[in-house]
Amino acid sequence: YEQFFDRISAFEILQQQQQQQQQQQQVQ
């Protein structure tokens, strides 16, 4: 238990979706 790890979860997925939306807005 001493070694902390941070796998893919809500934060990473929502952050990726937000970046994707921003990218699409820039394209538009």
Full PDB file with SEQRES, HELIX, SHEET, SSBOND, CRYST1, ORIGX, SCALE, CONECT and MASTER records, all heavy atoms in Angstrom:
SEQRES   1 A   28  TYR GLU GLN PHE PHE ASP ARG ILE SER ALA PHE GLU ILE          
SEQRES   2 A   28  LEU GLN GLN GLN GLN GLN GLN GLN GLN GLN GLN GLN GLN          
SEQRES   3 A   28  VAL GLN                                                      
HELIX    1 AA1 ALA A   10  VAL A   27  1                                  18    
CRYST1    1.000    1.000    1.000  90.00  90.00  90.00 P 1           1          
ORIGX1      1.000000  0.000000  0.000000        0.00000                         
ORIGX2      0.000000  1.000000  0.000000        0.00000                         
ORIGX3      0.000000  0.000000  1.000000        0.00000                         
SCALE1      1.000000  0.000000  0.000000        0.00000                         
SCALE2      0.000000  1.000000  0.000000        0.00000                         
SCALE3      0.000000  0.000000  1.000000        0.00000                         
ATOM      1  N   TYR A   1       0.808  -1.224   0.000  1.00  0.00           N  
ATOM      2  CA  TYR A   1       0.000   0.000   0.000  1.00  0.00           C  
ATOM      3  C   TYR A   1       0.839   1.271   0.000  1.00  0.00           C  
ATOM      4  O   TYR A   1       0.296   2.373  -0.146  1.00  0.00           O  
ATOM      5  CB  TYR A   1      -0.930   0.004   1.218  1.00  0.00           C  
ATOM      6  CG  TYR A   1      -1.915  -1.140   1.225  1.00  0.00           C  
ATOM      7  CD1 TYR A   1      -1.786  -2.188   2.122  1.00  0.00           C  
ATOM      8  CD2 TYR A   1      -2.976  -1.176   0.326  1.00  0.00           C  
ATOM      9  CE1 TYR A   1      -2.688  -3.248   2.136  1.00  0.00           C  
ATOM     10  CE2 TYR A   1      -3.879  -2.233   0.322  1.00  0.00           C  
ATOM     11  CZ  TYR A   1      -3.733  -3.265   1.231  1.00  0.00           C  
ATOM     12  OH  TYR A   1      -4.618  -4.308   1.222  1.00  0.00           O  
ATOM     13  N   GLU A   2       2.140   1.128   0.172  1.00  0.00           N  
ATOM     14  CA  GLU A   2       2.990   2.314   0.293  1.00  0.00           C  
ATOM     15  C   GLU A   2       3.116   3.085  -1.019  1.00  0.00           C  
ATOM     16  O   GLU A   2       3.302   4.303  -1.022  1.00  0.00           O  
ATOM     17  CB  GLU A   2       4.382   1.897   0.781  1.00  0.00           C  
ATOM     18  CG  GLU A   2       4.524   1.787   2.294  1.00  0.00           C  
ATOM     19  CD  GLU A   2       3.765   0.620   2.900  1.00  0.00           C  
ATOM     20  OE1 GLU A   2       3.323  -0.282   2.144  1.00  0.00           O  
ATOM     21  OE2 GLU A   2       3.600   0.586   4.130  1.00  0.00           O  
ATOM     22  N   GLN A   3       3.020   2.373  -2.163  1.00  0.00           N  
ATOM     23  CA  GLN A   3       3.213   3.012  -3.463  1.00  0.00           C  
ATOM     24  C   GLN A   3       1.871   3.454  -4.044  1.00  0.00           C  
ATOM     25  O   GLN A   3       1.068   2.630  -4.476  1.00  0.00           O  
ATOM     26  CB  GLN A   3       3.923   2.049  -4.422  1.00  0.00           C  
ATOM     27  CG  GLN A   3       5.269   1.550  -3.920  1.00  0.00           C  
ATOM     28  CD  GLN A   3       6.241   2.675  -3.649  1.00  0.00           C  
ATOM     29  OE1 GLN A   3       6.339   3.631  -4.426  1.00  0.00           O  
ATOM     30  NE2 GLN A   3       6.978   2.574  -2.544  1.00  0.00           N  
ATOM     31  N   PHE A   4       1.642   4.752  -4.063  1.00  0.00           N  
ATOM     32  CA  PHE A   4       0.396   5.312  -4.602  1.00  0.00           C  
ATOM     33  C   PHE A   4       0.396   5.221  -6.124  1.00  0.00           C  
ATOM     34  O   PHE A   4       1.430   5.395  -6.767  1.00  0.00           O  
ATOM     35  CB  PHE A   4       0.271   6.769  -4.167  1.00  0.00           C  
ATOM     36  CG  PHE A   4      -0.883   7.508  -4.789  1.00  0.00           C  
ATOM     37  CD1 PHE A   4      -2.157   7.389  -4.280  1.00  0.00           C  
ATOM     38  CD2 PHE A   4      -0.685   8.321  -5.900  1.00  0.00           C  
ATOM     39  CE1 PHE A   4      -3.227   8.065  -4.847  1.00  0.00           C  
ATOM     40  CE2 PHE A   4      -1.747   9.002  -6.473  1.00  0.00           C  
ATOM     41  CZ  PHE A   4      -3.015   8.876  -5.943  1.00  0.00           C  
ATOM     42  N   PHE A   5      -0.752   4.915  -6.733  1.00  0.00           N  
ATOM     43  CA  PHE A   5      -0.858   4.983  -8.189  1.00  0.00           C  
ATOM     44  C   PHE A   5      -2.172   5.643  -8.569  1.00  0.00           C  
ATOM     45  O   PHE A   5      -3.134   5.640  -7.806  1.00  0.00           O  
ATOM     46  CB  PHE A   5      -0.709   3.600  -8.836  1.00  0.00           C  
ATOM     47  CG  PHE A   5      -1.801   2.616  -8.503  1.00  0.00           C  
ATOM     48  CD1 PHE A   5      -3.008   2.619  -9.177  1.00  0.00           C  
ATOM     49  CD2 PHE A   5      -1.599   1.648  -7.520  1.00  0.00           C  
ATOM     50  CE1 PHE A   5      -4.011   1.697  -8.883  1.00  0.00           C  
ATOM     51  CE2 PHE A   5      -2.595   0.722  -7.218  1.00  0.00           C  
ATOM     52  CZ  PHE A   5      -3.796   0.747  -7.903  1.00  0.00           C  
ATOM     53  N   ASP A   6      -2.182   6.216  -9.770  1.00  0.00           N  
ATOM     54  CA  ASP A   6      -3.332   6.991 -10.245  1.00  0.00           C  
ATOM     55  C   ASP A   6      -3.677   6.534 -11.649  1.00  0.00           C  
ATOM     56  O   ASP A   6      -3.069   6.948 -12.622  1.00  0.00           O  
ATOM     57  CB  ASP A   6      -2.993   8.485 -10.225  1.00  0.00           C  
ATOM     58  CG  ASP A   6      -4.205   9.352 -10.561  1.00  0.00           C  
ATOM     59  OD1 ASP A   6      -5.318   8.813 -10.623  1.00  0.00           O  
ATOM     60  OD2 ASP A   6      -4.018  10.566 -10.785  1.00  0.00           O  
ATOM     61  N   ARG A   7      -4.667   5.659 -11.780  1.00  0.00           N  
ATOM     62  CA  ARG A   7      -5.032   5.140 -13.095  1.00  0.00           C  
ATOM     63  C   ARG A   7      -6.091   6.021 -13.742  1.00  0.00           C  
ATOM     64  O   ARG A   7      -6.615   6.966 -13.144  1.00  0.00           O  
ATOM     65  CB  ARG A   7      -5.494   3.694 -12.992  1.00  0.00           C  
ATOM     66  CG  ARG A   7      -6.717   3.471 -12.136  1.00  0.00           C  
ATOM     67  CD  ARG A   7      -7.049   1.994 -12.112  1.00  0.00           C  
ATOM     68  NE  ARG A   7      -8.020   1.676 -11.071  1.00  0.00           N  
ATOM     69  CZ  ARG A   7      -9.078   0.912 -11.281  1.00  0.00           C  
ATOM     70  NH1 ARG A   7      -9.332   0.432 -12.475  1.00  0.00           N  
ATOM     71  NH2 ARG A   7      -9.895   0.631 -10.294  1.00  0.00           N  
ATOM     72  N   ILE A   8      -6.436   5.681 -14.972  1.00  0.00           N  
ATOM     73  CA  ILE A   8      -7.416   6.461 -15.733  1.00  0.00           C  
ATOM     74  C   ILE A   8      -8.782   6.363 -15.063  1.00  0.00           C  
ATOM     75  O   ILE A   8      -9.276   5.273 -14.788  1.00  0.00           O  
ATOM     76  CB  ILE A   8      -7.496   5.946 -17.180  1.00  0.00           C  
ATOM     77  CG1 ILE A   8      -6.164   6.173 -17.896  1.00  0.00           C  
ATOM     78  CG2 ILE A   8      -8.625   6.636 -17.943  1.00  0.00           C  
ATOM     79  CD1 ILE A   8      -6.092   5.513 -19.254  1.00  0.00           C  
ATOM     80  N   SER A   9      -9.358   7.511 -14.796  1.00  0.00           N  
ATOM     81  CA  SER A   9     -10.671   7.558 -14.144  1.00  0.00           C  
ATOM     82  C   SER A   9     -11.398   8.809 -14.624  1.00  0.00           C  
ATOM     83  O   SER A   9     -11.059   9.371 -15.671  1.00  0.00           O  
ATOM     84  CB  SER A   9     -10.511   7.537 -12.622  1.00  0.00           C  
ATOM     85  OG  SER A   9      -9.577   8.516 -12.193  1.00  0.00           O  
ATOM     86  N   ALA A  10     -12.387   9.267 -13.890  1.00  0.00           N  
ATOM     87  CA  ALA A  10     -13.256  10.349 -14.358  1.00  0.00           C  
ATOM     88  C   ALA A  10     -12.479  11.612 -14.708  1.00  0.00           C  
ATOM     89  O   ALA A  10     -12.755  12.255 -15.727  1.00  0.00           O  
ATOM     90  CB  ALA A  10     -14.306  10.647 -13.293  1.00  0.00           C  
ATOM     91  N   PHE A  11     -11.513  11.981 -13.903  1.00  0.00           N  
ATOM     92  CA  PHE A  11     -10.762  13.214 -14.137  1.00  0.00           C  
ATOM     93  C   PHE A  11     -10.097  13.190 -15.511  1.00  0.00           C  
ATOM     94  O   PHE A  11     -10.216  14.146 -16.300  1.00  0.00           O  
ATOM     95  CB  PHE A  11      -9.721  13.401 -13.041  1.00  0.00           C  
ATOM     96  CG  PHE A  11      -8.766  14.539 -13.285  1.00  0.00           C  
ATOM     97  CD1 PHE A  11      -9.158  15.853 -13.083  1.00  0.00           C  
ATOM     98  CD2 PHE A  11      -7.470  14.293 -13.737  1.00  0.00           C  
ATOM     99  CE1 PHE A  11      -8.281  16.903 -13.327  1.00  0.00           C  
ATOM    100  CE2 PHE A  11      -6.590  15.333 -13.972  1.00  0.00           C  
ATOM    101  CZ  PHE A  11      -6.995  16.638 -13.770  1.00  0.00           C  
ATOM    102  N   GLU A  12      -9.384  12.108 -15.806  1.00  0.00           N  
ATOM    103  CA  GLU A  12      -8.647  12.033 -17.066  1.00  0.00           C  
ATOM    104  C   GLU A  12      -9.591  11.991 -18.258  1.00  0.00           C  
ATOM    105  O   GLU A  12      -9.358  12.660 -19.284  1.00  0.00           O  
ATOM    106  CB  GLU A  12      -7.751  10.787 -17.075  1.00  0.00           C  
ATOM    107  CG  GLU A  12      -6.547  10.853 -16.154  1.00  0.00           C  
ATOM    108  CD  GLU A  12      -6.878  10.579 -14.703  1.00  0.00           C  
ATOM    109  OE1 GLU A  12      -8.018  10.124 -14.430  1.00  0.00           O  
ATOM    110  OE2 GLU A  12      -6.021  10.797 -13.836  1.00  0.00           O  
ATOM    111  N   ILE A  13     -10.679  11.235 -18.156  1.00  0.00           N  
ATOM    112  CA  ILE A  13     -11.609  11.104 -19.279  1.00  0.00           C  
ATOM    113  C   ILE A  13     -12.347  12.418 -19.543  1.00  0.00           C  
ATOM    114  O   ILE A  13     -12.466  12.862 -20.691  1.00  0.00           O  
ATOM    115  CB  ILE A  13     -12.613   9.968 -19.018  1.00  0.00           C  
ATOM    116  CG1 ILE A  13     -11.877   8.619 -18.983  1.00  0.00           C  
ATOM    117  CG2 ILE A  13     -13.705   9.944 -20.080  1.00  0.00           C  
ATOM    118  CD1 ILE A  13     -12.748   7.455 -18.580  1.00  0.00           C  
ATOM    119  N   LEU A  14     -12.815  13.060 -18.491  1.00  0.00           N  
ATOM    120  CA  LEU A  14     -13.519  14.339 -18.671  1.00  0.00           C  
ATOM    121  C   LEU A  14     -12.572  15.422 -19.179  1.00  0.00           C  
ATOM    122  O   LEU A  14     -12.969  16.275 -19.988  1.00  0.00           O  
ATOM    123  CB  LEU A  14     -14.156  14.766 -17.347  1.00  0.00           C  
ATOM    124  CG  LEU A  14     -15.328  13.893 -16.876  1.00  0.00           C  
ATOM    125  CD1 LEU A  14     -15.788  14.319 -15.480  1.00  0.00           C  
ATOM    126  CD2 LEU A  14     -16.498  13.958 -17.858  1.00  0.00           C  
ATOM    127  N   GLN A  15     -11.343  15.390 -18.703  1.00  0.00           N  
ATOM    128  CA  GLN A  15     -10.349  16.355 -19.194  1.00  0.00           C  
ATOM    129  C   GLN A  15     -10.095  16.146 -20.679  1.00  0.00           C  
ATOM    130  O   GLN A  15      -9.998  17.109 -21.456  1.00  0.00           O  
ATOM    131  CB  GLN A  15      -9.056  16.209 -18.396  1.00  0.00           C  
ATOM    132  CG  GLN A  15      -8.029  17.296 -18.677  1.00  0.00           C  
ATOM    133  CD  GLN A  15      -6.779  17.128 -17.826  1.00  0.00           C  
ATOM    134  OE1 GLN A  15      -6.161  16.062 -17.841  1.00  0.00           O  
ATOM    135  NE2 GLN A  15      -6.435  18.162 -17.083  1.00  0.00           N  
ATOM    136  N   GLN A  16     -10.010  14.887 -21.101  1.00  0.00           N  
ATOM    137  CA  GLN A  16      -9.795  14.574 -22.507  1.00  0.00           C  
ATOM    138  C   GLN A  16     -10.993  15.004 -23.353  1.00  0.00           C  
ATOM    139  O   GLN A  16     -10.831  15.559 -24.447  1.00  0.00           O  
ATOM    140  CB  GLN A  16      -9.558  13.072 -22.660  1.00  0.00           C  
ATOM    141  CG  GLN A  16      -9.155  12.650 -24.058  1.00  0.00           C  
ATOM    142  CD  GLN A  16      -7.801  13.216 -24.455  1.00  0.00           C  
ATOM    143  OE1 GLN A  16      -6.868  13.218 -23.654  1.00  0.00           O  
ATOM    144  NE2 GLN A  16      -7.696  13.701 -25.679  1.00  0.00           N  
ATOM    145  N   GLN A  17     -12.193  14.767 -22.844  1.00  0.00           N  
ATOM    146  CA  GLN A  17     -13.390  15.193 -23.578  1.00  0.00           C  
ATOM    147  C   GLN A  17     -13.441  16.702 -23.726  1.00  0.00           C  
ATOM    148  O   GLN A  17     -13.822  17.224 -24.786  1.00  0.00           O  
ATOM    149  CB  GLN A  17     -14.636  14.683 -22.854  1.00  0.00           C  
ATOM    150  CG  GLN A  17     -14.839  13.180 -22.929  1.00  0.00           C  
ATOM    151  CD  GLN A  17     -16.039  12.714 -22.129  1.00  0.00           C  
ATOM    152  OE1 GLN A  17     -16.639  13.489 -21.387  1.00  0.00           O  
ATOM    153  NE2 GLN A  17     -16.402  11.443 -22.277  1.00  0.00           N  
ATOM    154  N   GLN A  18     -13.045  17.411 -22.684  1.00  0.00           N  
ATOM    155  CA  GLN A  18     -13.040  18.872 -22.736  1.00  0.00           C  
ATOM    156  C   GLN A  18     -12.026  19.374 -23.763  1.00  0.00           C  
ATOM    157  O   GLN A  18     -12.313  20.304 -24.531  1.00  0.00           O  
ATOM    158  CB  GLN A  18     -12.726  19.443 -21.356  1.00  0.00           C  
ATOM    159  CG  GLN A  18     -12.824  20.959 -21.288  1.00  0.00           C  
ATOM    160  CD  GLN A  18     -12.582  21.479 -19.868  1.00  0.00           C  
ATOM    161  OE1 GLN A  18     -12.215  20.731 -18.974  1.00  0.00           O  
ATOM    162  NE2 GLN A  18     -12.763  22.767 -19.680  1.00  0.00           N  
ATOM    163  N   GLN A  19     -10.859  18.763 -23.797  1.00  0.00           N  
ATOM    164  CA  GLN A  19      -9.843  19.152 -24.767  1.00  0.00           C  
ATOM    165  C   GLN A  19     -10.330  18.869 -26.192  1.00  0.00           C  
ATOM    166  O   GLN A  19     -10.079  19.649 -27.117  1.00  0.00           O  
ATOM    167  CB  GLN A  19      -8.546  18.407 -24.493  1.00  0.00           C  
ATOM    168  CG  GLN A  19      -7.853  18.833 -23.214  1.00  0.00           C  
ATOM    169  CD  GLN A  19      -6.660  17.971 -22.881  1.00  0.00           C  
ATOM    170  OE1 GLN A  19      -6.385  16.978 -23.559  1.00  0.00           O  
ATOM    171  NE2 GLN A  19      -5.924  18.345 -21.838  1.00  0.00           N  
ATOM    172  N   GLN A  20     -11.030  17.751 -26.342  1.00  0.00           N  
ATOM    173  CA  GLN A  20     -11.569  17.394 -27.654  1.00  0.00           C  
ATOM    174  C   GLN A  20     -12.594  18.419 -28.107  1.00  0.00           C  
ATOM    175  O   GLN A  20     -12.595  18.835 -29.277  1.00  0.00           O  
ATOM    176  CB  GLN A  20     -12.193  16.005 -27.576  1.00  0.00           C  
ATOM    177  CG  GLN A  20     -12.808  15.527 -28.875  1.00  0.00           C  
ATOM    178  CD  GLN A  20     -13.454  14.168 -28.726  1.00  0.00           C  
ATOM    179  OE1 GLN A  20     -13.037  13.367 -27.907  1.00  0.00           O  
ATOM    180  NE2 GLN A  20     -14.483  13.926 -29.517  1.00  0.00           N  
ATOM    181  N   GLN A  21     -13.473  18.849 -27.205  1.00  0.00           N  
ATOM    182  CA  GLN A  21     -14.473  19.856 -27.553  1.00  0.00           C  
ATOM    183  C   GLN A  21     -13.818  21.175 -27.930  1.00  0.00           C  
ATOM    184  O   GLN A  21     -14.228  21.843 -28.885  1.00  0.00           O  
ATOM    185  CB  GLN A  21     -15.425  20.044 -26.378  1.00  0.00           C  
ATOM    186  CG  GLN A  21     -16.343  18.857 -26.123  1.00  0.00           C  
ATOM    187  CD  GLN A  21     -17.147  19.005 -24.845  1.00  0.00           C  
ATOM    188  OE1 GLN A  21     -17.000  20.007 -24.135  1.00  0.00           O  
ATOM    189  NE2 GLN A  21     -17.982  18.016 -24.538  1.00  0.00           N  
ATOM    190  N   GLN A  22     -12.785  21.550 -27.179  1.00  0.00           N  
ATOM    191  CA  GLN A  22     -12.068  22.795 -27.498  1.00  0.00           C  
ATOM    192  C   GLN A  22     -11.406  22.704 -28.863  1.00  0.00           C  
ATOM    193  O   GLN A  22     -11.397  23.667 -29.641  1.00  0.00           O  
ATOM    194  CB  GLN A  22     -11.026  23.075 -26.413  1.00  0.00           C  
ATOM    195  CG  GLN A  22     -11.619  23.443 -25.062  1.00  0.00           C  
ATOM    196  CD  GLN A  22     -10.570  23.575 -23.979  1.00  0.00           C  
ATOM    197  OE1 GLN A  22      -9.398  23.217 -24.171  1.00  0.00           O  
ATOM    198  NE2 GLN A  22     -10.972  24.089 -22.821  1.00  0.00           N  
ATOM    199  N   GLN A  23     -10.856  21.522 -29.174  1.00  0.00           N  
ATOM    200  CA  GLN A  23     -10.219  21.321 -30.464  1.00  0.00           C  
ATOM    201  C   GLN A  23     -11.226  21.447 -31.596  1.00  0.00           C  
ATOM    202  O   GLN A  23     -10.966  22.085 -32.617  1.00  0.00           O  
ATOM    203  CB  GLN A  23      -9.560  19.946 -30.500  1.00  0.00           C  
ATOM    204  CG  GLN A  23      -8.696  19.689 -31.723  1.00  0.00           C  
ATOM    205  CD  GLN A  23      -7.434  20.523 -31.696  1.00  0.00           C  
ATOM    206  OE1 GLN A  23      -6.829  20.710 -30.653  1.00  0.00           O  
ATOM    207  NE2 GLN A  23      -7.049  21.036 -32.846  1.00  0.00           N  
ATOM    208  N   GLN A  24     -12.401  20.858 -31.403  1.00  0.00           N  
ATOM    209  CA  GLN A  24     -13.438  20.927 -32.428  1.00  0.00           C  
ATOM    210  C   GLN A  24     -13.933  22.354 -32.619  1.00  0.00           C  
ATOM    211  O   GLN A  24     -14.228  22.779 -33.747  1.00  0.00           O  
ATOM    212  CB  GLN A  24     -14.591  19.997 -32.066  1.00  0.00           C  
ATOM    213  CG  GLN A  24     -14.243  18.517 -32.149  1.00  0.00           C  
ATOM    214  CD  GLN A  24     -15.317  17.616 -31.603  1.00  0.00           C  
ATOM    215  OE1 GLN A  24     -16.225  18.081 -30.918  1.00  0.00           O  
ATOM    216  NE2 GLN A  24     -15.226  16.315 -31.897  1.00  0.00           N  
ATOM    217  N   GLN A  25     -14.014  23.101 -31.520  1.00  0.00           N  
ATOM    218  CA  GLN A  25     -14.427  24.500 -31.619  1.00  0.00           C  
ATOM    219  C   GLN A  25     -13.408  25.310 -32.402  1.00  0.00           C  
ATOM    220  O   GLN A  25     -13.768  26.177 -33.207  1.00  0.00           O  
ATOM    221  CB  GLN A  25     -14.617  25.079 -30.223  1.00  0.00           C  
ATOM    222  CG  GLN A  25     -15.840  24.546 -29.502  1.00  0.00           C  
ATOM    223  CD  GLN A  25     -15.918  25.025 -28.062  1.00  0.00           C  
ATOM    224  OE1 GLN A  25     -15.035  25.757 -27.603  1.00  0.00           O  
ATOM    225  NE2 GLN A  25     -16.962  24.608 -27.352  1.00  0.00           N  
ATOM    226  N   GLN A  26     -12.132  25.003 -32.179  1.00  0.00           N  
ATOM    227  CA  GLN A  26     -11.085  25.715 -32.918  1.00  0.00           C  
ATOM    228  C   GLN A  26     -11.157  25.408 -34.406  1.00  0.00           C  
ATOM    229  O   GLN A  26     -10.976  26.292 -35.255  1.00  0.00           O  
ATOM    230  CB  GLN A  26      -9.714  25.327 -32.368  1.00  0.00           C  
ATOM    231  CG  GLN A  26      -9.435  25.859 -30.977  1.00  0.00           C  
ATOM    232  CD  GLN A  26      -8.127  25.348 -30.419  1.00  0.00           C  
ATOM    233  OE1 GLN A  26      -7.413  24.594 -31.066  1.00  0.00           O  
ATOM    234  NE2 GLN A  26      -7.805  25.769 -29.199  1.00  0.00           N  
ATOM    235  N   VAL A  27     -11.458  24.159 -34.730  1.00  0.00           N  
ATOM    236  CA  VAL A  27     -11.602  23.778 -36.136  1.00  0.00           C  
ATOM    237  C   VAL A  27     -12.769  24.517 -36.771  1.00  0.00           C  
ATOM    238  O   VAL A  27     -12.672  25.037 -37.888  1.00  0.00           O  
ATOM    239  CB  VAL A  27     -11.792  22.249 -36.253  1.00  0.00           C  
ATOM    240  CG1 VAL A  27     -12.159  21.865 -37.689  1.00  0.00           C  
ATOM    241  CG2 VAL A  27     -10.541  21.520 -35.813  1.00  0.00           C  
ATOM    242  N   GLN A  28     -13.884  24.579 -36.037  1.00  0.00           N  
ATOM    243  CA  GLN A  28     -15.066  25.263 -36.557  1.00  0.00           C  
ATOM    244  C   GLN A  28     -14.808  26.751 -36.762  1.00  0.00           C  
ATOM    245  O   GLN A  28     -15.213  27.342 -37.759  1.00  0.00           O  
ATOM    246  CB  GLN A  28     -16.256  25.047 -35.614  1.00  0.00           C  
ATOM    247  CG  GLN A  28     -17.582  25.591 -36.135  1.00  0.00           C  
ATOM    248  CD  GLN A  28     -18.017  24.890 -37.416  1.00  0.00           C  
ATOM    249  OE1 GLN A  28     -17.842  23.682 -37.561  1.00  0.00           O  
ATOM    250  NE2 GLN A  28     -18.551  25.651 -38.357  1.00  0.00           N  
TER     251      GLN A  28                                                      
MASTER        0    0    0    1    0    0    0    6  250    1    0    3          
END                                                                             
